[in-house]
Amino acid sequence: MALARGRQGSTTYLFTASDPAGPWSEPIVLEADGIDPSLFFDDDGRCWFTACRDAAEPAVTGPGELYLRELDLDTLALTGPTMRCGTARCAAPGWRRRICTSGTACTG
């Protein structure tokens, strides 16, 4: 489970458990900003952290943007480049998916 507190200057925590009923781990601080964090588990076994944050280029994407980064499941740290998703569509080599952070409603 990922939990964000605050929008700017926020702290995002990751908690793990082998069973949803618990026990849960101590919080792990992720180097991530924004709100509405979520985890996406891909078919190839990789895990992607997604969230919404203030846009890096608001004139291009609007005031906010979705972004994703890979979460290394061994180290529980974000790794690799940040992929911005200004239109709620993210592209990575070989795939394209429509994603929404947990507080956003999507259709289509």
PDB file of N, CA and C in Angstrom:
ATOM      1  N   MET A   1       0.845  -1.155   0.000  1.00  0.00           N
ATOM      2  CA  MET A   1       0.000   0.000   0.000  1.00  0.00           C
ATOM      3  C   MET A   1       0.901   1.230   0.000  1.00  0.00           C
ATOM      4  N   ALA A   2       0.520   2.236  -0.782  1.00  0.00           N
ATOM      5  CA  ALA A   2       1.236   3.507  -0.800  1.00  0.00           C
ATOM      6  C   ALA A   2       0.312   4.583  -0.242  1.00  0.00           C
ATOM      7  N   LEU A   3       0.848   5.478   0.537  1.00  0.00           N
ATOM      8  CA  LEU A   3       0.070   6.525   1.184  1.00  0.00           C
ATOM      9  C   LEU A   3       0.822   7.838   1.045  1.00  0.00           C
ATOM     10  N   ALA A   4       0.143   8.875   0.563  1.00  0.00           N
ATOM     11  CA  ALA A   4       0.763  10.200   0.442  1.00  0.00           C
ATOM     12  C   ALA A   4       0.123  11.138   1.444  1.00  0.00           C
ATOM     13  N   ARG A   5       0.917  12.065   1.958  1.00  0.00           N
ATOM     14  CA  ARG A   5       0.418  13.073   2.887  1.00  0.00           C
ATOM     15  C   ARG A   5       0.829  14.428   2.365  1.00  0.00           C
ATOM     16  N   GLY A   6      -0.126  15.273   2.037  1.00  0.00           N
ATOM     17  CA  GLY A   6       0.164  16.597   1.521  1.00  0.00           C
ATOM     18  C   GLY A   6       0.398  16.564   0.019  1.00  0.00           C
ATOM     19  N   ARG A   7       0.314  17.723  -0.616  1.00  0.00           N
ATOM     20  CA  ARG A   7       0.473  17.762  -2.059  1.00  0.00           C
ATOM     21  C   ARG A   7       1.839  18.276  -2.467  1.00  0.00           C
ATOM     22  N   GLN A   8       2.269  19.361  -1.894  1.00  0.00           N
ATOM     23  CA  GLN A   8       3.600  19.872  -2.188  1.00  0.00           C
ATOM     24  C   GLN A   8       4.463  19.660  -0.952  1.00  0.00           C
ATOM     25  N   GLY A   9       5.685  19.227  -1.201  1.00  0.00           N
ATOM     26  CA  GLY A   9       6.545  18.888  -0.072  1.00  0.00           C
ATOM     27  C   GLY A   9       6.005  17.676   0.656  1.00  0.00           C
ATOM     28  N   SER A  10       5.331  16.819  -0.085  1.00  0.00           N
ATOM     29  CA  SER A  10       4.659  15.681   0.526  1.00  0.00           C
ATOM     30  C   SER A  10       5.641  14.572   0.881  1.00  0.00           C
ATOM     31  N   THR A  11       5.174  13.680   1.701  1.00  0.00           N
ATOM     32  CA  THR A  11       5.907  12.466   2.023  1.00  0.00           C
ATOM     33  C   THR A  11       5.044  11.296   1.592  1.00  0.00           C
ATOM     34  N   THR A  12       5.624  10.377   0.846  1.00  0.00           N
ATOM     35  CA  THR A  12       4.903   9.198   0.389  1.00  0.00           C
ATOM     36  C   THR A  12       5.503   7.983   1.078  1.00  0.00           C
ATOM     37  N   TYR A  13       4.650   7.208   1.715  1.00  0.00           N
ATOM     38  CA  TYR A  13       5.079   6.032   2.467  1.00  0.00           C
ATOM     39  C   TYR A  13       4.623   4.766   1.760  1.00  0.00           C
ATOM     40  N   LEU A  14       5.426   3.725   1.873  1.00  0.00           N
ATOM     41  CA  LEU A  14       5.083   2.405   1.371  1.00  0.00           C
ATOM     42  C   LEU A  14       5.014   1.467   2.560  1.00  0.00           C
ATOM     43  N   PHE A  15       3.962   0.666   2.618  1.00  0.00           N
ATOM     44  CA  PHE A  15       3.792  -0.345   3.653  1.00  0.00           C
ATOM     45  C   PHE A  15       3.656  -1.689   2.961  1.00  0.00           C
ATOM     46  N   THR A  16       4.180  -2.750   3.538  1.00  0.00           N
ATOM     47  CA  THR A  16       4.066  -4.080   2.945  1.00  0.00           C
ATOM     48  C   THR A  16       3.476  -5.054   3.963  1.00  0.00           C
ATOM     49  N   ALA A  17       2.834  -6.087   3.424  1.00  0.00           N
ATOM     50  CA  ALA A  17       2.301  -7.170   4.249  1.00  0.00           C
ATOM     51  C   ALA A  17       2.098  -8.382   3.354  1.00  0.00           C
ATOM     52  N   SER A  18       2.311  -9.564   3.888  1.00  0.00           N
ATOM     53  CA  SER A  18       2.057 -10.774   3.105  1.00  0.00           C
ATOM     54  C   SER A  18       0.577 -11.133   3.119  1.00  0.00           C
ATOM     55  N   ASP A  19      -0.177 -10.536   4.036  1.00  0.00           N
ATOM     56  CA  ASP A  19      -1.614 -10.765   4.155  1.00  0.00           C
ATOM     57  C   ASP A  19      -2.266  -9.401   4.378  1.00  0.00           C
ATOM     58  N   PRO A  20      -3.349  -9.077   3.633  1.00  0.00           N
ATOM     59  CA  PRO A  20      -3.995  -7.772   3.821  1.00  0.00           C
ATOM     60  C   PRO A  20      -4.467  -7.511   5.255  1.00  0.00           C
ATOM     61  N   ALA A  21      -4.699  -8.558   6.023  1.00  0.00           N
ATOM     62  CA  ALA A  21      -5.125  -8.396   7.407  1.00  0.00           C
ATOM     63  C   ALA A  21      -3.961  -8.018   8.326  1.00  0.00           C
ATOM     64  N   GLY A  22      -2.735  -8.096   7.801  1.00  0.00           N
ATOM     65  CA  GLY A  22      -1.563  -7.731   8.589  1.00  0.00           C
ATOM     66  C   GLY A  22      -0.826  -8.943   9.103  1.00  0.00           C
ATOM     67  N   PRO A  23       0.216  -8.719   9.799  1.00  0.00           N
ATOM     68  CA  PRO A  23       0.736  -7.426  10.240  1.00  0.00           C
ATOM     69  C   PRO A  23       1.397  -6.655   9.082  1.00  0.00           C
ATOM     70  N   TRP A  24       1.429  -5.317   9.213  1.00  0.00           N
ATOM     71  CA  TRP A  24       2.008  -4.436   8.208  1.00  0.00           C
ATOM     72  C   TRP A  24       3.403  -4.005   8.646  1.00  0.00           C
ATOM     73  N   SER A  25       4.241  -3.721   7.665  1.00  0.00           N
ATOM     74  CA  SER A  25       5.606  -3.274   7.941  1.00  0.00           C
ATOM     75  C   SER A  25       5.597  -1.862   8.517  1.00  0.00           C
ATOM     76  N   GLU A  26       6.754  -1.472   9.019  1.00  0.00           N
ATOM     77  CA  GLU A  26       6.969  -0.073   9.375  1.00  0.00           C
ATOM     78  C   GLU A  26       6.953   0.725   8.074  1.00  0.00           C
ATOM     79  N   PRO A  27       6.609   2.000   8.110  1.00  0.00           N
ATOM     80  CA  PRO A  27       6.564   2.794   6.877  1.00  0.00           C
ATOM     81  C   PRO A  27       7.941   2.947   6.245  1.00  0.00           C
ATOM     82  N   ILE A  28       7.967   2.850   4.920  1.00  0.00           N
ATOM     83  CA  ILE A  28       9.169   3.080   4.128  1.00  0.00           C
ATOM     84  C   ILE A  28       8.919   4.359   3.336  1.00  0.00           C
ATOM     85  N   VAL A  29       9.799   5.340   3.450  1.00  0.00           N
ATOM     86  CA  VAL A  29       9.636   6.607   2.742  1.00  0.00           C
ATOM     87  C   VAL A  29      10.109   6.428   1.306  1.00  0.00           C
ATOM     88  N   LEU A  30       9.225   6.755   0.346  1.00  0.00           N
ATOM     89  CA  LEU A  30       9.587   6.735  -1.065  1.00  0.00           C
ATOM     90  C   LEU A  30       9.943   8.144  -1.508  1.00  0.00           C
ATOM     91  N   GLU A  31      10.916   8.265  -2.384  1.00  0.00           N
ATOM     92  CA  GLU A  31      11.266   9.567  -2.948  1.00  0.00           C
ATOM     93  C   GLU A  31      10.308   9.854  -4.091  1.00  0.00           C
ATOM     94  N   ALA A  32       9.109  10.294  -3.722  1.00  0.00           N
ATOM     95  CA  ALA A  32       8.043  10.547  -4.687  1.00  0.00           C
ATOM     96  C   ALA A  32       7.241  11.741  -4.208  1.00  0.00           C
ATOM     97  N   ASP A  33       6.706  12.496  -5.161  1.00  0.00           N
ATOM     98  CA  ASP A  33       5.874  13.627  -4.783  1.00  0.00           C
ATOM     99  C   ASP A  33       4.478  13.432  -5.354  1.00  0.00           C
ATOM    100  N   GLY A  34       3.564  14.264  -4.878  1.00  0.00           N
ATOM    101  CA  GLY A  34       2.217  14.220  -5.415  1.00  0.00           C
ATOM    102  C   GLY A  34       1.209  13.562  -4.494  1.00  0.00           C
ATOM    103  N   ILE A  35       0.041  13.289  -5.086  1.00  0.00           N
ATOM    104  CA  ILE A  35      -1.085  12.725  -4.347  1.00  0.00           C
ATOM    105  C   ILE A  35      -1.617  11.492  -5.073  1.00  0.00           C
ATOM    106  N   ASP A  36      -2.496  10.772  -4.431  1.00  0.00           N
ATOM    107  CA  ASP A  36      -3.180   9.604  -4.989  1.00  0.00           C
ATOM    108  C   ASP A  36      -2.219   8.540  -5.506  1.00  0.00           C
ATOM    109  N   PRO A  37      -1.260   8.091  -4.687  1.00  0.00           N
ATOM    110  CA  PRO A  37      -0.331   7.065  -5.148  1.00  0.00           C
ATOM    111  C   PRO A  37      -1.034   5.724  -5.337  1.00  0.00           C
ATOM    112  N   SER A  38      -0.505   4.952  -6.259  1.00  0.00           N
ATOM    113  CA  SER A  38      -1.050   3.626  -6.523  1.00  0.00           C
ATOM    114  C   SER A  38       0.065   2.746  -7.058  1.00  0.00           C
ATOM    115  N   LEU A  39      -0.094   1.445  -6.932  1.00  0.00           N
ATOM    116  CA  LEU A  39       0.869   0.496  -7.474  1.00  0.00           C
ATOM    117  C   LEU A  39       0.208  -0.308  -8.579  1.00  0.00           C
ATOM    118  N   PHE A  40       0.934  -0.497  -9.671  1.00  0.00           N
ATOM    119  CA  PHE A  40       0.466  -1.284 -10.809  1.00  0.00           C
ATOM    120  C   PHE A  40       1.440  -2.436 -11.001  1.00  0.00           C
ATOM    121  N   PHE A  41       0.929  -3.672 -10.957  1.00  0.00           N
ATOM    122  CA  PHE A  41       1.751  -4.860 -11.149  1.00  0.00           C
ATOM    123  C   PHE A  41       1.562  -5.341 -12.577  1.00  0.00           C
ATOM    124  N   ASP A  42       2.635  -5.273 -13.361  1.00  0.00           N
ATOM    125  CA  ASP A  42       2.587  -5.611 -14.778  1.00  0.00           C
ATOM    126  C   ASP A  42       2.662  -7.122 -14.976  1.00  0.00           C
ATOM    127  N   ASP A  43       2.281  -7.553 -16.175  1.00  0.00           N
ATOM    128  CA  ASP A  43       2.299  -8.974 -16.519  1.00  0.00           C
ATOM    129  C   ASP A  43       3.703  -9.569 -16.456  1.00  0.00           C
ATOM    130  N   ASP A  44       4.737  -8.736 -16.638  1.00  0.00           N
ATOM    131  CA  ASP A  44       6.112  -9.233 -16.637  1.00  0.00           C
ATOM    132  C   ASP A  44       6.717  -9.293 -15.237  1.00  0.00           C
ATOM    133  N   GLY A  45       5.901  -9.020 -14.197  1.00  0.00           N
ATOM    134  CA  GLY A  45       6.366  -9.114 -12.823  1.00  0.00           C
ATOM    135  C   GLY A  45       6.897  -7.813 -12.250  1.00  0.00           C
ATOM    136  N   ARG A  46       7.026  -6.781 -13.091  1.00  0.00           N
ATOM    137  CA  ARG A  46       7.509  -5.500 -12.578  1.00  0.00           C
ATOM    138  C   ARG A  46       6.370  -4.742 -11.897  1.00  0.00           C
ATOM    139  N   CYS A  47       6.747  -3.862 -10.992  1.00  0.00           N
ATOM    140  CA  CYS A  47       5.780  -3.044 -10.259  1.00  0.00           C
ATOM    141  C   CYS A  47       6.049  -1.586 -10.590  1.00  0.00           C
ATOM    142  N   TRP A  48       4.981  -0.846 -10.849  1.00  0.00           N
ATOM    143  CA  TRP A  48       5.083   0.567 -11.200  1.00  0.00           C
ATOM    144  C   TRP A  48       4.347   1.405 -10.162  1.00  0.00           C
ATOM    145  N   PHE A  49       5.006   2.445  -9.676  1.00  0.00           N
ATOM    146  CA  PHE A  49       4.414   3.420  -8.776  1.00  0.00           C
ATOM    147  C   PHE A  49       3.810   4.520  -9.637  1.00  0.00           C
ATOM    148  N   THR A  50       2.558   4.863  -9.409  1.00  0.00           N
ATOM    149  CA  THR A  50       1.911   5.940 -10.147  1.00  0.00           C
ATOM    150  C   THR A  50       1.361   6.957  -9.151  1.00  0.00           C
ATOM    151  N   ALA A  51       1.319   8.211  -9.563  1.00  0.00           N
ATOM    152  CA  ALA A  51       0.753   9.267  -8.719  1.00  0.00           C
ATOM    153  C   ALA A  51       0.436  10.472  -9.592  1.00  0.00           C
ATOM    154  N   CYS A  52      -0.195  11.448  -9.005  1.00  0.00           N
ATOM    155  CA  CYS A  52      -0.517  12.706  -9.672  1.00  0.00           C
ATOM    156  C   CYS A  52       0.245  13.813  -8.951  1.00  0.00           C
ATOM    157  N   ARG A  53       0.783  14.749  -9.724  1.00  0.00           N
ATOM    158  CA  ARG A  53       1.555  15.845  -9.134  1.00  0.00           C
ATOM    159  C   ARG A  53       1.369  17.108  -9.960  1.00  0.00           C
ATOM    160  N   ASP A  54       1.879  18.219  -9.452  1.00  0.00           N
ATOM    161  CA  ASP A  54       1.877  19.455 -10.229  1.00  0.00           C
ATOM    162  C   ASP A  54       2.709  19.224 -11.483  1.00  0.00           C
ATOM    163  N   ALA A  55       2.235  19.722 -12.609  1.00  0.00           N
ATOM    164  CA  ALA A  55       2.888  19.478 -13.891  1.00  0.00           C
ATOM    165  C   ALA A  55       4.230  20.177 -13.990  1.00  0.00           C
ATOM    166  N   ALA A  56       5.181  19.495 -14.617  1.00  0.00           N
ATOM    167  CA  ALA A  56       6.482  20.104 -14.887  1.00  0.00           C
ATOM    168  C   ALA A  56       6.359  21.159 -15.984  1.00  0.00           C
ATOM    169  N   GLU A  57       5.424  20.950 -16.929  1.00  0.00           N
ATOM    170  CA  GLU A  57       5.193  21.885 -18.031  1.00  0.00           C
ATOM    171  C   GLU A  57       3.696  22.175 -18.122  1.00  0.00           C
ATOM    172  N   PRO A  58       3.141  22.993 -17.214  1.00  0.00           N
ATOM    173  CA  PRO A  58       1.698  23.219 -17.186  1.00  0.00           C
ATOM    174  C   PRO A  58       1.133  23.808 -18.471  1.00  0.00           C
ATOM    175  N   ALA A  59       1.930  24.550 -19.224  1.00  0.00           N
ATOM    176  CA  ALA A  59       1.437  25.111 -20.488  1.00  0.00           C
ATOM    177  C   ALA A  59       1.171  24.009 -21.511  1.00  0.00           C
ATOM    178  N   VAL A  60       1.838  22.877 -21.359  1.00  0.00           N
ATOM    179  CA  VAL A  60       1.698  21.762 -22.299  1.00  0.00           C
ATOM    180  C   VAL A  60       0.663  20.751 -21.807  1.00  0.00           C
ATOM    181  N   THR A  61       0.734  20.392 -20.537  1.00  0.00           N
ATOM    182  CA  THR A  61      -0.083  19.291 -20.020  1.00  0.00           C
ATOM    183  C   THR A  61      -1.262  19.730 -19.170  1.00  0.00           C
ATOM    184  N   GLY A  62      -1.342  20.991 -18.815  1.00  0.00           N
ATOM    185  CA  GLY A  62      -2.339  21.430 -17.852  1.00  0.00           C
ATOM    186  C   GLY A  62      -1.695  21.485 -16.473  1.00  0.00           C
ATOM    187  N   PRO A  63      -2.486  21.810 -15.441  1.00  0.00           N
ATOM    188  CA  PRO A  63      -1.899  22.057 -14.126  1.00  0.00           C
ATOM    189  C   PRO A  63      -1.347  20.814 -13.421  1.00  0.00           C
ATOM    190  N   GLY A  64      -1.843  19.653 -13.764  1.00  0.00           N
ATOM    191  CA  GLY A  64      -1.391  18.431 -13.104  1.00  0.00           C
ATOM    192  C   GLY A  64      -1.037  17.368 -14.110  1.00  0.00           C
ATOM    193  N   GLU A  65      -0.284  16.383 -13.654  1.00  0.00           N
ATOM    194  CA  GLU A  65       0.080  15.279 -14.539  1.00  0.00           C
ATOM    195  C   GLU A  65       0.183  13.991 -13.741  1.00  0.00           C
ATOM    196  N   LEU A  66      -0.116  12.904 -14.399  1.00  0.00           N
ATOM    197  CA  LEU A  66       0.155  11.591 -13.845  1.00  0.00           C
ATOM    198  C   LEU A  66       1.589  11.238 -14.196  1.00  0.00           C
ATOM    199  N   TYR A  67       2.220  10.467 -13.349  1.00  0.00           N
ATOM    200  CA  TYR A  67       3.558   9.995 -13.671  1.00  0.00           C
ATOM    201  C   TYR A  67       3.742   8.606 -13.093  1.00  0.00           C
ATOM    202  N   LEU A  68       4.740   7.910 -13.603  1.00  0.00           N
ATOM    203  CA  LEU A  68       5.051   6.594 -13.062  1.00  0.00           C
ATOM    204  C   LEU A  68       6.543   6.365 -13.047  1.00  0.00           C
ATOM    205  N   ARG A  69       6.952   5.521 -12.102  1.00  0.00           N
ATOM    206  CA  ARG A  69       8.333   5.057 -11.989  1.00  0.00           C
ATOM    207  C   ARG A  69       8.288   3.621 -11.546  1.00  0.00           C
ATOM    208  N   GLU A  70       9.285   2.876 -11.938  1.00  0.00           N
ATOM    209  CA  GLU A  70       9.344   1.479 -11.518  1.00  0.00           C
ATOM    210  C   GLU A  70       9.722   1.397 -10.046  1.00  0.00           C
ATOM    211  N   LEU A  71       9.066   0.482  -9.339  1.00  0.00           N
ATOM    212  CA  LEU A  71       9.392   0.204  -7.942  1.00  0.00           C
ATOM    213  C   LEU A  71      10.137  -1.122  -7.898  1.00  0.00           C
ATOM    214  N   ASP A  72      11.373  -1.088  -7.445  1.00  0.00           N
ATOM    215  CA  ASP A  72      12.172  -2.308  -7.308  1.00  0.00           C
ATOM    216  C   ASP A  72      11.632  -3.084  -6.107  1.00  0.00           C
ATOM    217  N   LEU A  73      11.099  -4.264  -6.350  1.00  0.00           N
ATOM    218  CA  LEU A  73      10.460  -5.030  -5.280  1.00  0.00           C
ATOM    219  C   LEU A  73      11.470  -5.651  -4.317  1.00  0.00           C
ATOM    220  N   ASP A  74      12.743  -5.724  -4.692  1.00  0.00           N
ATOM    221  CA  ASP A  74      13.765  -6.239  -3.779  1.00  0.00           C
ATOM    222  C   ASP A  74      14.238  -5.159  -2.807  1.00  0.00           C
ATOM    223  N   THR A  75      14.458  -3.950  -3.316  1.00  0.00           N
ATOM    224  CA  THR A  75      14.965  -2.867  -2.463  1.00  0.00           C
ATOM    225  C   THR A  75      13.859  -1.949  -1.949  1.00  0.00           C
ATOM    226  N   LEU A  76      12.663  -2.063  -2.534  1.00  0.00           N
ATOM    227  CA  LEU A  76      11.526  -1.191  -2.219  1.00  0.00           C
ATOM    228  C   LEU A  76      11.889   0.281  -2.413  1.00  0.00           C
ATOM    229  N   ALA A  77      12.613   0.546  -3.508  1.00  0.00           N
ATOM    230  CA  ALA A  77      12.990   1.913  -3.875  1.00  0.00           C
ATOM    231  C   ALA A  77      12.565   2.164  -5.314  1.00  0.00           C
ATOM    232  N   LEU A  78      12.242   3.419  -5.615  1.00  0.00           N
ATOM    233  CA  LEU A  78      11.920   3.783  -6.985  1.00  0.00           C
ATOM    234  C   LEU A  78      13.203   3.796  -7.804  1.00  0.00           C
ATOM    235  N   THR A  79      13.097   3.330  -9.040  1.00  0.00           N
ATOM    236  CA  THR A  79      14.275   3.198  -9.881  1.00  0.00           C
ATOM    237  C   THR A  79      13.938   3.614 -11.312  1.00  0.00           C
ATOM    238  N   GLY A  80      14.952   3.939 -12.066  1.00  0.00           N
ATOM    239  CA  GLY A  80      14.747   4.274 -13.467  1.00  0.00           C
ATOM    240  C   GLY A  80      14.143   5.643 -13.664  1.00  0.00           C
ATOM    241  N   PRO A  81      13.895   5.968 -14.939  1.00  0.00           N
ATOM    242  CA  PRO A  81      13.395   7.304 -15.258  1.00  0.00           C
ATOM    243  C   PRO A  81      11.933   7.489 -14.860  1.00  0.00           C
ATOM    244  N   THR A  82      11.558   8.742 -14.657  1.00  0.00           N
ATOM    245  CA  THR A  82      10.167   9.098 -14.436  1.00  0.00           C
ATOM    246  C   THR A  82       9.505   9.281 -15.788  1.00  0.00           C
ATOM    247  N   MET A  83       8.363   8.632 -15.985  1.00  0.00           N
ATOM    248  CA  MET A  83       7.597   8.798 -17.219  1.00  0.00           C
ATOM    249  C   MET A  83       6.384   9.645 -16.908  1.00  0.00           C
ATOM    250  N   ARG A  84       6.265  10.785 -17.584  1.00  0.00           N
ATOM    251  CA  ARG A  84       5.143  11.696 -17.374  1.00  0.00           C
ATOM    252  C   ARG A  84       3.987  11.297 -18.273  1.00  0.00           C
ATOM    253  N   CYS A  85       2.793  11.517 -17.768  1.00  0.00           N
ATOM    254  CA  CYS A  85       1.580  11.122 -18.472  1.00  0.00           C
ATOM    255  C   CYS A  85       0.610  12.286 -18.444  1.00  0.00           C
ATOM    256  N   GLY A  86       0.859  13.303 -19.201  1.00  0.00           N
ATOM    257  CA  GLY A  86       0.037  14.500 -19.148  1.00  0.00           C
ATOM    258  C   GLY A  86      -1.405  14.277 -19.530  1.00  0.00           C
ATOM    259  N   THR A  87      -1.681  13.298 -20.362  1.00  0.00           N
ATOM    260  CA  THR A  87      -3.049  13.053 -20.799  1.00  0.00           C
ATOM    261  C   THR A  87      -3.618  11.769 -20.209  1.00  0.00           C
ATOM    262  N   ALA A  88      -3.027  11.274 -19.152  1.00  0.00           N
ATOM    263  CA  ALA A  88      -3.429  10.020 -18.507  1.00  0.00           C
ATOM    264  C   ALA A  88      -3.129   8.815 -19.381  1.00  0.00           C
ATOM    265  N   ARG A  89      -2.254   8.998 -20.357  1.00  0.00           N
ATOM    266  CA  ARG A  89      -1.786   7.857 -21.147  1.00  0.00           C
ATOM    267  C   ARG A  89      -0.278   7.811 -21.005  1.00  0.00           C
ATOM    268  N   CYS A  90       0.229   6.680 -20.595  1.00  0.00           N
ATOM    269  CA  CYS A  90       1.670   6.528 -20.436  1.00  0.00           C
ATOM    270  C   CYS A  90       2.167   5.534 -21.462  1.00  0.00           C
ATOM    271  N   ALA A  91       3.294   5.810 -22.047  1.00  0.00           N
ATOM    272  CA  ALA A  91       3.891   4.893 -23.009  1.00  0.00           C
ATOM    273  C   ALA A  91       5.252   4.466 -22.504  1.00  0.00           C
ATOM    274  N   ALA A  92       5.499   3.202 -22.557  1.00  0.00           N
ATOM    275  CA  ALA A  92       6.810   2.645 -22.273  1.00  0.00           C
ATOM    276  C   ALA A  92       7.099   1.685 -23.414  1.00  0.00           C
ATOM    277  N   PRO A  93       8.349   1.323 -23.608  1.00  0.00           N
ATOM    278  CA  PRO A  93       8.665   0.444 -24.737  1.00  0.00           C
ATOM    279  C   PRO A  93       7.778  -0.802 -24.760  1.00  0.00           C
ATOM    280  N   GLY A  94       7.068  -0.985 -25.867  1.00  0.00           N
ATOM    281  CA  GLY A  94       6.274  -2.195 -26.050  1.00  0.00           C
ATOM    282  C   GLY A  94       4.854  -2.151 -25.517  1.00  0.00           C
ATOM    283  N   TRP A  95       4.474  -1.091 -24.826  1.00  0.00           N
ATOM    284  CA  TRP A  95       3.107  -1.070 -24.305  1.00  0.00           C
ATOM    285  C   TRP A  95       2.586   0.343 -24.143  1.00  0.00           C
ATOM    286  N   ARG A  96       1.283   0.419 -24.095  1.00  0.00           N
ATOM    287  CA  ARG A  96       0.593   1.680 -23.815  1.00  0.00           C
ATOM    288  C   ARG A  96      -0.624   1.319 -22.975  1.00  0.00           C
ATOM    289  N   ARG A  97      -0.794   1.986 -21.867  1.00  0.00           N
ATOM    290  CA  ARG A  97      -1.918   1.720 -20.970  1.00  0.00           C
ATOM    291  C   ARG A  97      -2.531   3.053 -20.557  1.00  0.00           C
ATOM    292  N   ARG A  98      -3.801   3.011 -20.257  1.00  0.00           N
ATOM    293  CA  ARG A  98      -4.454   4.171 -19.659  1.00  0.00           C
ATOM    294  C   ARG A  98      -4.480   3.912 -18.165  1.00  0.00           C
ATOM    295  N   ILE A  99      -3.972   4.848 -17.406  1.00  0.00           N
ATOM    296  CA  ILE A  99      -3.915   4.668 -15.944  1.00  0.00           C
ATOM    297  C   ILE A  99      -4.598   5.841 -15.261  1.00  0.00           C
ATOM    298  N   CYS A 100      -5.044   5.605 -14.060  1.00  0.00           N
ATOM    299  CA  CYS A 100      -5.611   6.652 -13.227  1.00  0.00           C
ATOM    300  C   CYS A 100      -5.092   6.444 -11.818  1.00  0.00           C
ATOM    301  N   THR A 101      -4.814   7.523 -11.137  1.00  0.00           N
ATOM    302  CA  THR A 101      -4.467   7.391  -9.736  1.00  0.00           C
ATOM    303  C   THR A 101      -5.743   7.066  -8.977  1.00  0.00           C
ATOM    304  N   SER A 102      -5.614   6.610  -7.769  1.00  0.00           N
ATOM    305  CA  SER A 102      -6.757   6.067  -7.041  1.00  0.00           C
ATOM    306  C   SER A 102      -7.859   7.074  -6.762  1.00  0.00           C
ATOM    307  N   GLY A 103      -7.572   8.355  -6.763  1.00  0.00           N
ATOM    308  CA  GLY A 103      -8.597   9.347  -6.493  1.00  0.00           C
ATOM    309  C   GLY A 103      -9.219   9.929  -7.738  1.00  0.00           C
ATOM    310  N   THR A 104      -8.904   9.376  -8.887  1.00  0.00           N
ATOM    311  CA  THR A 104      -9.363   9.923 -10.165  1.00  0.00           C
ATOM    312  C   THR A 104     -10.331   8.962 -10.822  1.00  0.00           C
ATOM    313  N   ALA A 105     -11.381   9.489 -11.403  1.00  0.00           N
ATOM    314  CA  ALA A 105     -12.333   8.643 -12.139  1.00  0.00           C
ATOM    315  C   ALA A 105     -11.962   8.650 -13.619  1.00  0.00           C
ATOM    316  N   CYS A 106     -11.896   7.505 -14.226  1.00  0.00           N
ATOM    317  CA  CYS A 106     -11.573   7.393 -15.644  1.00  0.00           C
ATOM    318  C   CYS A 106     -12.655   6.602 -16.351  1.00  0.00           C
ATOM    319  N   THR A 107     -12.863   6.932 -17.585  1.00  0.00           N
ATOM    320  CA  THR A 107     -13.756   6.153 -18.432  1.00  0.00           C
ATOM    321  C   THR A 107     -13.061   5.896 -19.743  1.00  0.00           C
ATOM    322  N   GLY A 108     -13.537   4.924 -20.486  1.00  0.00           N
ATOM    323  CA  GLY A 108     -13.007   4.678 -21.817  1.00  0.00           C
ATOM    324  C   GLY A 108     -11.976   3.677 -21.884  1.00  0.00           C
TER     325      GLY A 108
END
